[in-house]
Amino acid sequence: MSECTHDCSTCGQSCSERTEPQSFEAKPHELSHIKKVIAVVSGKGGVGKSLVTSSLAAAMHKRGKKVGILDADITGPSIPKSFGIHERALGSELGIYPVESKGGIQVMSLNVLTDNETDPVIWRGPVIAGAVKQFWTDVIWGDVDYLFVDMPPGTGDVPLTVFQSLPVDGIVVVTSPQDLVSMIVTKAVKMAEMMHIPVLGLVENYSYFQCPDCGKQHHIFGESHIDEVAQAHGLKVLARLPIDPGLAAACDRGEIELYEPNYLADVAAQLDAE
């Protein structure tokens, strides 16, 4: 038997001195009081996680809740633009203060910390993961009912850091109608299961386009497979989002809070009831 290093997290031996696995959960800032943390994830990029995060946050805020968004997509932060936020975050000896949108949603993103929001982030994974963790430990969120975390795609360093460091109450998986949706969802769901994070349900983006003239729905990206995938994993389909040019334009203008209808209003109500 090899010599004991007293580090059970890296040891495969079973002995009488073995301790419980170490918890990596980090404490939030002492001035932060956050009731629920919900992460928005996907197994691949380009499916609209930031759109879902922003719309869900706006819908929850309209329900009278205090809402924050932690933009964990460090290399592709788009949350500030959706809310029309271009100013820099302020700090003091106590910590960093999130920037507040016009409607009152708190946002922390790398784009509110850099001098130029178009500068690329050329960092290695551990540095990016460390920055995300600091958004939790060093940011003064204050009293927040719901903190939504906009995750980068995949199952790499940042998702692992978020799932280990933050007390995530559940995840919403964003998908598209294409055939590869099954693989995308399976990867995200399996990671959540391994990290013991509940999957709250699926949101299908780009589900259909509704003709403004005749009202007929057209499935631009093919027929949906979300019902079969949800059934296979025992999950709920929370929403099917249309391709809406008006919503895309509202995001570009930084007015996502004002856009109606909010297609995730019912989802916010479901999450708020749980």
Protein backbone atom coordinates (compact mmCIF):
# COMPACT_ATOMS: atom_id res chain seq x y z
CA MET A 1 0.00 0.00 0.00
CA SER A 2 1.33 3.46 -0.87
CA GLU A 3 2.07 6.01 1.84
CA CYS A 4 -0.96 8.00 2.99
CA THR A 5 -0.95 11.63 1.84
CA HIS A 6 -3.99 12.53 3.97
CA ASP A 7 -5.68 13.91 0.85
CA CYS A 8 -8.78 11.74 0.41
CA SER A 9 -9.92 13.66 -2.68
CA THR A 10 -7.08 12.16 -4.74
CA CYS A 11 -6.88 8.75 -3.07
CA GLY A 12 -8.61 5.60 -4.28
CA GLN A 13 -7.85 3.56 -1.15
CA SER A 14 -10.48 2.70 1.43
CA CYS A 15 -9.25 2.98 5.00
CA SER A 16 -10.47 3.77 8.49
CA GLU A 17 -9.14 7.33 8.29
CA ARG A 18 -10.95 8.13 5.05
CA THR A 19 -13.07 11.28 5.34
CA GLU A 20 -16.10 12.56 3.44
CA PRO A 21 -15.44 14.21 0.06
CA GLN A 22 -14.34 17.81 0.39
CA SER A 23 -16.93 20.48 -0.40
CA PHE A 24 -15.80 23.11 -2.91
CA GLU A 25 -18.81 25.35 -2.32
CA ALA A 26 -17.73 28.96 -1.89
CA LYS A 27 -19.38 31.45 0.40
CA PRO A 28 -20.99 34.45 -1.28
CA HIS A 29 -19.98 37.94 -0.28
CA GLU A 30 -21.00 38.65 3.31
CA LEU A 31 -23.34 41.40 2.08
CA SER A 32 -25.06 39.10 -0.43
CA HIS A 33 -28.26 37.30 0.49
CA ILE A 34 -29.34 35.14 -2.43
CA LYS A 35 -32.34 32.85 -2.11
CA LYS A 36 -32.21 30.81 -5.33
CA VAL A 37 -29.57 30.20 -8.00
CA ILE A 38 -30.69 28.93 -11.41
CA ALA A 39 -28.21 28.17 -14.19
CA VAL A 40 -29.10 28.27 -17.89
CA VAL A 41 -27.04 25.72 -19.80
CA SER A 42 -26.61 23.96 -23.12
CA GLY A 43 -24.34 21.31 -24.57
CA LYS A 44 -23.41 23.58 -27.51
CA GLY A 45 -23.23 27.22 -28.47
CA GLY A 46 -25.60 29.27 -30.57
CA VAL A 47 -28.88 27.96 -29.16
CA GLY A 48 -29.85 31.13 -27.32
CA LYS A 49 -28.83 30.66 -23.68
CA SER A 50 -28.29 34.38 -23.16
CA LEU A 51 -31.66 35.18 -24.71
CA VAL A 52 -33.37 32.67 -22.42
CA THR A 53 -31.45 33.96 -19.39
CA SER A 54 -32.35 37.58 -20.14
CA SER A 55 -36.01 36.86 -20.89
CA LEU A 56 -36.38 34.64 -17.84
CA ALA A 57 -34.80 37.28 -15.60
CA ALA A 58 -37.06 39.98 -17.05
CA ALA A 59 -40.14 37.81 -16.57
CA MET A 60 -39.22 37.04 -12.97
CA HIS A 61 -38.56 40.71 -12.26
CA LYS A 62 -42.01 41.59 -13.58
CA ARG A 63 -43.38 39.22 -10.97
CA GLY A 64 -42.00 41.57 -8.34
CA LYS A 65 -38.87 39.57 -7.53
CA LYS A 66 -35.41 40.97 -6.93
CA VAL A 67 -33.30 39.51 -9.74
CA GLY A 68 -29.64 39.32 -10.65
CA ILE A 69 -27.75 37.85 -13.61
CA LEU A 70 -24.25 36.42 -13.27
CA ASP A 71 -22.80 36.30 -16.78
CA ALA A 72 -20.49 33.28 -16.63
CA ASP A 73 -19.86 33.32 -20.39
CA ILE A 74 -16.56 35.16 -19.96
CA THR A 75 -15.32 34.88 -23.55
CA GLY A 76 -18.67 35.73 -25.11
CA PRO A 77 -20.55 38.02 -22.71
CA SER A 78 -23.77 39.34 -24.27
CA ILE A 79 -26.02 39.97 -21.27
CA PRO A 80 -25.09 43.67 -20.81
CA LYS A 81 -25.93 44.47 -24.44
CA SER A 82 -29.39 42.90 -24.14
CA PHE A 83 -30.15 45.24 -21.24
CA GLY A 84 -28.52 48.31 -22.76
CA ILE A 85 -25.75 48.38 -20.14
CA HIS A 86 -22.53 50.08 -21.22
CA GLU A 87 -21.26 51.64 -17.99
CA ARG A 88 -18.55 50.13 -15.82
CA ALA A 89 -19.09 48.42 -12.49
CA LEU A 90 -17.98 50.31 -9.38
CA GLY A 91 -16.19 48.96 -6.36
CA SER A 92 -15.08 49.92 -2.87
CA GLU A 93 -13.05 48.40 -0.08
CA LEU A 94 -16.07 46.17 0.57
CA GLY A 95 -16.22 44.60 -2.90
CA ILE A 96 -17.63 45.04 -6.41
CA TYR A 97 -21.14 46.33 -7.08
CA PRO A 98 -23.16 44.90 -9.98
CA VAL A 99 -24.51 47.29 -12.60
CA GLU A 100 -28.26 47.80 -12.53
CA SER A 101 -30.37 47.79 -15.69
CA LYS A 102 -32.95 50.47 -16.40
CA GLY A 103 -35.64 48.19 -15.01
CA GLY A 104 -33.72 47.28 -11.88
CA ILE A 105 -32.09 43.93 -12.72
CA GLN A 106 -28.56 43.56 -11.34
CA VAL A 107 -25.91 42.36 -13.80
CA MET A 108 -22.31 41.27 -13.35
CA SER A 109 -20.35 40.50 -16.50
CA LEU A 110 -16.79 40.84 -17.67
CA ASN A 111 -18.01 43.50 -20.09
CA VAL A 112 -18.80 45.84 -17.17
CA LEU A 113 -15.25 45.48 -15.85
CA THR A 114 -13.17 46.07 -19.00
CA ASP A 115 -12.29 49.45 -20.52
CA ASN A 116 -13.46 48.35 -23.97
CA GLU A 117 -16.37 45.91 -24.22
CA THR A 118 -15.16 44.65 -27.61
CA ASP A 119 -11.72 43.57 -26.35
CA PRO A 120 -11.28 39.78 -26.59
CA VAL A 121 -10.60 37.69 -23.50
CA ILE A 122 -7.55 35.56 -24.17
CA TRP A 123 -7.35 33.60 -20.94
CA ARG A 124 -6.81 29.95 -20.12
CA GLY A 125 -9.59 27.91 -18.57
CA PRO A 126 -8.52 28.10 -14.89
CA VAL A 127 -8.27 31.91 -15.06
CA ILE A 128 -11.73 32.16 -16.62
CA ALA A 129 -13.16 29.81 -14.00
CA GLY A 130 -11.52 31.88 -11.26
CA ALA A 131 -13.15 35.06 -12.57
CA VAL A 132 -16.57 33.42 -12.52
CA LYS A 133 -16.03 32.31 -8.93
CA GLN A 134 -15.12 35.87 -7.98
CA PHE A 135 -18.42 37.07 -9.44
CA TRP A 136 -19.94 35.02 -6.60
CA THR A 137 -17.52 35.69 -3.76
CA ASP A 138 -16.48 39.30 -4.40
CA VAL A 139 -19.64 40.89 -5.81
CA ILE A 140 -22.05 42.61 -3.43
CA TRP A 141 -25.38 41.32 -4.74
CA GLY A 142 -27.37 42.44 -1.73
CA ASP A 143 -30.83 40.90 -1.34
CA VAL A 144 -31.69 38.78 -4.40
CA ASP A 145 -34.61 36.39 -4.80
CA TYR A 146 -33.32 34.80 -8.02
CA LEU A 147 -29.79 34.82 -9.40
CA PHE A 148 -29.69 33.51 -12.97
CA VAL A 149 -26.33 32.25 -14.25
CA ASP A 150 -25.76 32.50 -18.01
CA MET A 151 -23.38 29.61 -18.65
CA PRO A 152 -20.93 29.11 -21.51
CA PRO A 153 -21.62 26.13 -23.76
CA GLY A 154 -20.31 22.69 -23.00
CA THR A 155 -19.17 20.87 -19.88
CA GLY A 156 -15.74 22.39 -19.26
CA ASP A 157 -14.02 24.42 -16.55
CA VAL A 158 -16.66 27.09 -16.01
CA PRO A 159 -19.71 24.80 -15.67
CA LEU A 160 -17.70 22.60 -13.33
CA THR A 161 -16.69 25.64 -11.24
CA VAL A 162 -20.26 26.95 -11.08
CA PHE A 163 -21.72 23.57 -10.10
CA GLN A 164 -19.05 23.02 -7.45
CA SER A 165 -18.74 26.56 -6.06
CA LEU A 166 -22.29 27.91 -6.19
CA PRO A 167 -25.36 26.44 -4.45
CA VAL A 168 -27.21 25.88 -7.73
CA ASP A 169 -30.87 25.03 -7.06
CA GLY A 170 -31.51 23.81 -10.60
CA ILE A 171 -30.68 24.18 -14.28
CA VAL A 172 -32.69 25.04 -17.36
CA VAL A 173 -31.40 23.33 -20.50
CA VAL A 174 -31.75 25.27 -23.77
CA THR A 175 -32.02 23.31 -27.01
CA SER A 176 -32.89 23.71 -30.69
CA PRO A 177 -35.11 21.55 -32.94
CA GLN A 178 -32.28 19.89 -34.86
CA ASP A 179 -31.57 16.15 -34.75
CA LEU A 180 -28.48 16.58 -32.58
CA VAL A 181 -30.64 17.93 -29.74
CA SER A 182 -30.71 14.51 -28.11
CA MET A 183 -26.92 14.46 -27.78
CA ILE A 184 -26.84 18.07 -26.54
CA VAL A 185 -29.43 17.48 -23.84
CA THR A 186 -27.94 14.16 -22.78
CA LYS A 187 -24.52 15.73 -22.16
CA ALA A 188 -25.97 18.56 -20.08
CA VAL A 189 -28.30 16.27 -18.14
CA LYS A 190 -25.57 13.74 -17.39
CA MET A 191 -23.27 16.44 -16.06
CA ALA A 192 -26.06 17.78 -13.87
CA GLU A 193 -26.72 14.29 -12.53
CA MET A 194 -23.03 13.74 -11.77
CA MET A 195 -22.95 17.05 -9.89
CA HIS A 196 -26.28 16.31 -8.14
CA ILE A 197 -27.99 19.38 -9.65
CA PRO A 198 -31.74 19.12 -10.41
CA VAL A 199 -32.79 19.68 -14.04
CA LEU A 200 -35.84 21.94 -13.98
CA GLY A 201 -36.76 21.37 -17.62
CA LEU A 202 -36.06 22.10 -21.27
CA VAL A 203 -36.58 25.22 -23.34
CA GLU A 204 -36.56 24.81 -27.12
CA ASN A 205 -35.43 27.91 -28.98
CA TYR A 206 -35.97 28.56 -32.73
CA SER A 207 -38.94 26.22 -32.47
CA TYR A 208 -41.00 27.80 -35.24
CA PHE A 209 -41.65 30.97 -37.21
CA GLN A 210 -45.18 32.29 -37.26
CA CYS A 211 -46.12 34.04 -40.49
CA PRO A 212 -47.42 37.53 -39.69
CA ASP A 213 -49.79 37.39 -42.68
CA CYS A 214 -51.50 34.00 -42.44
CA GLY A 215 -50.57 33.02 -38.88
CA LYS A 216 -49.29 29.61 -39.93
CA GLN A 217 -46.32 28.16 -38.04
CA HIS A 218 -43.31 27.11 -40.11
CA HIS A 219 -40.61 24.85 -38.66
CA ILE A 220 -37.55 26.48 -40.20
CA PHE A 221 -35.04 24.16 -38.51
CA GLY A 222 -37.05 20.99 -38.94
CA GLU A 223 -39.60 19.19 -36.84
CA SER A 224 -39.09 19.25 -33.10
CA HIS A 225 -37.68 16.27 -31.19
CA ILE A 226 -37.95 17.84 -27.77
CA ASP A 227 -40.91 15.79 -26.58
CA GLU A 228 -39.14 12.48 -27.21
CA VAL A 229 -35.94 13.75 -25.58
CA ALA A 230 -37.80 15.08 -22.55
CA GLN A 231 -39.65 11.78 -22.16
CA ALA A 232 -36.42 9.80 -22.44
CA HIS A 233 -34.91 11.74 -19.54
CA GLY A 234 -38.08 12.19 -17.51
CA LEU A 235 -37.99 15.97 -17.92
CA LYS A 236 -40.53 18.73 -18.49
CA VAL A 237 -40.72 20.85 -21.63
CA LEU A 238 -40.95 24.32 -20.14
CA ALA A 239 -41.37 26.35 -23.35
CA ARG A 240 -41.04 26.45 -27.12
CA LEU A 241 -39.75 29.82 -28.30
CA PRO A 242 -40.51 31.16 -31.78
CA ILE A 243 -38.11 32.86 -34.15
CA ASP A 244 -39.15 36.45 -33.47
CA PRO A 245 -37.29 39.21 -35.37
CA GLY A 246 -38.83 41.78 -33.02
CA LEU A 247 -37.26 40.11 -30.00
CA ALA A 248 -33.87 39.96 -31.72
CA ALA A 249 -34.14 43.68 -32.53
CA ALA A 250 -35.06 44.46 -28.91
CA CYS A 251 -31.91 42.66 -27.73
CA ASP A 252 -29.81 44.66 -30.18
CA ARG A 253 -31.34 47.89 -28.85
CA GLY A 254 -30.79 46.84 -25.24
CA GLU A 255 -34.52 46.78 -24.56
CA ILE A 256 -35.23 43.15 -23.76
CA GLU A 257 -36.91 44.18 -20.50
CA LEU A 258 -39.54 46.11 -22.43
CA TYR A 259 -40.36 43.54 -25.09
CA GLU A 260 -43.81 41.98 -25.13
CA PRO A 261 -44.85 39.26 -25.15
CA ASN A 262 -42.31 37.69 -22.85
CA TYR A 263 -42.42 34.07 -24.01
CA LEU A 264 -41.00 32.84 -20.69
CA ALA A 265 -43.55 34.50 -18.40
CA ASP A 266 -45.25 31.15 -17.73
CA VAL A 267 -41.88 29.49 -17.06
CA ALA A 268 -41.04 32.20 -14.50
CA ALA A 269 -44.38 31.53 -12.84
CA GLN A 270 -43.64 27.79 -12.72
CA LEU A 271 -40.20 28.29 -11.20
CA ASP A 272 -41.55 30.79 -8.69
CA ALA A 273 -44.18 28.27 -7.57
CA GLU A 274 -41.66 25.50 -6.87
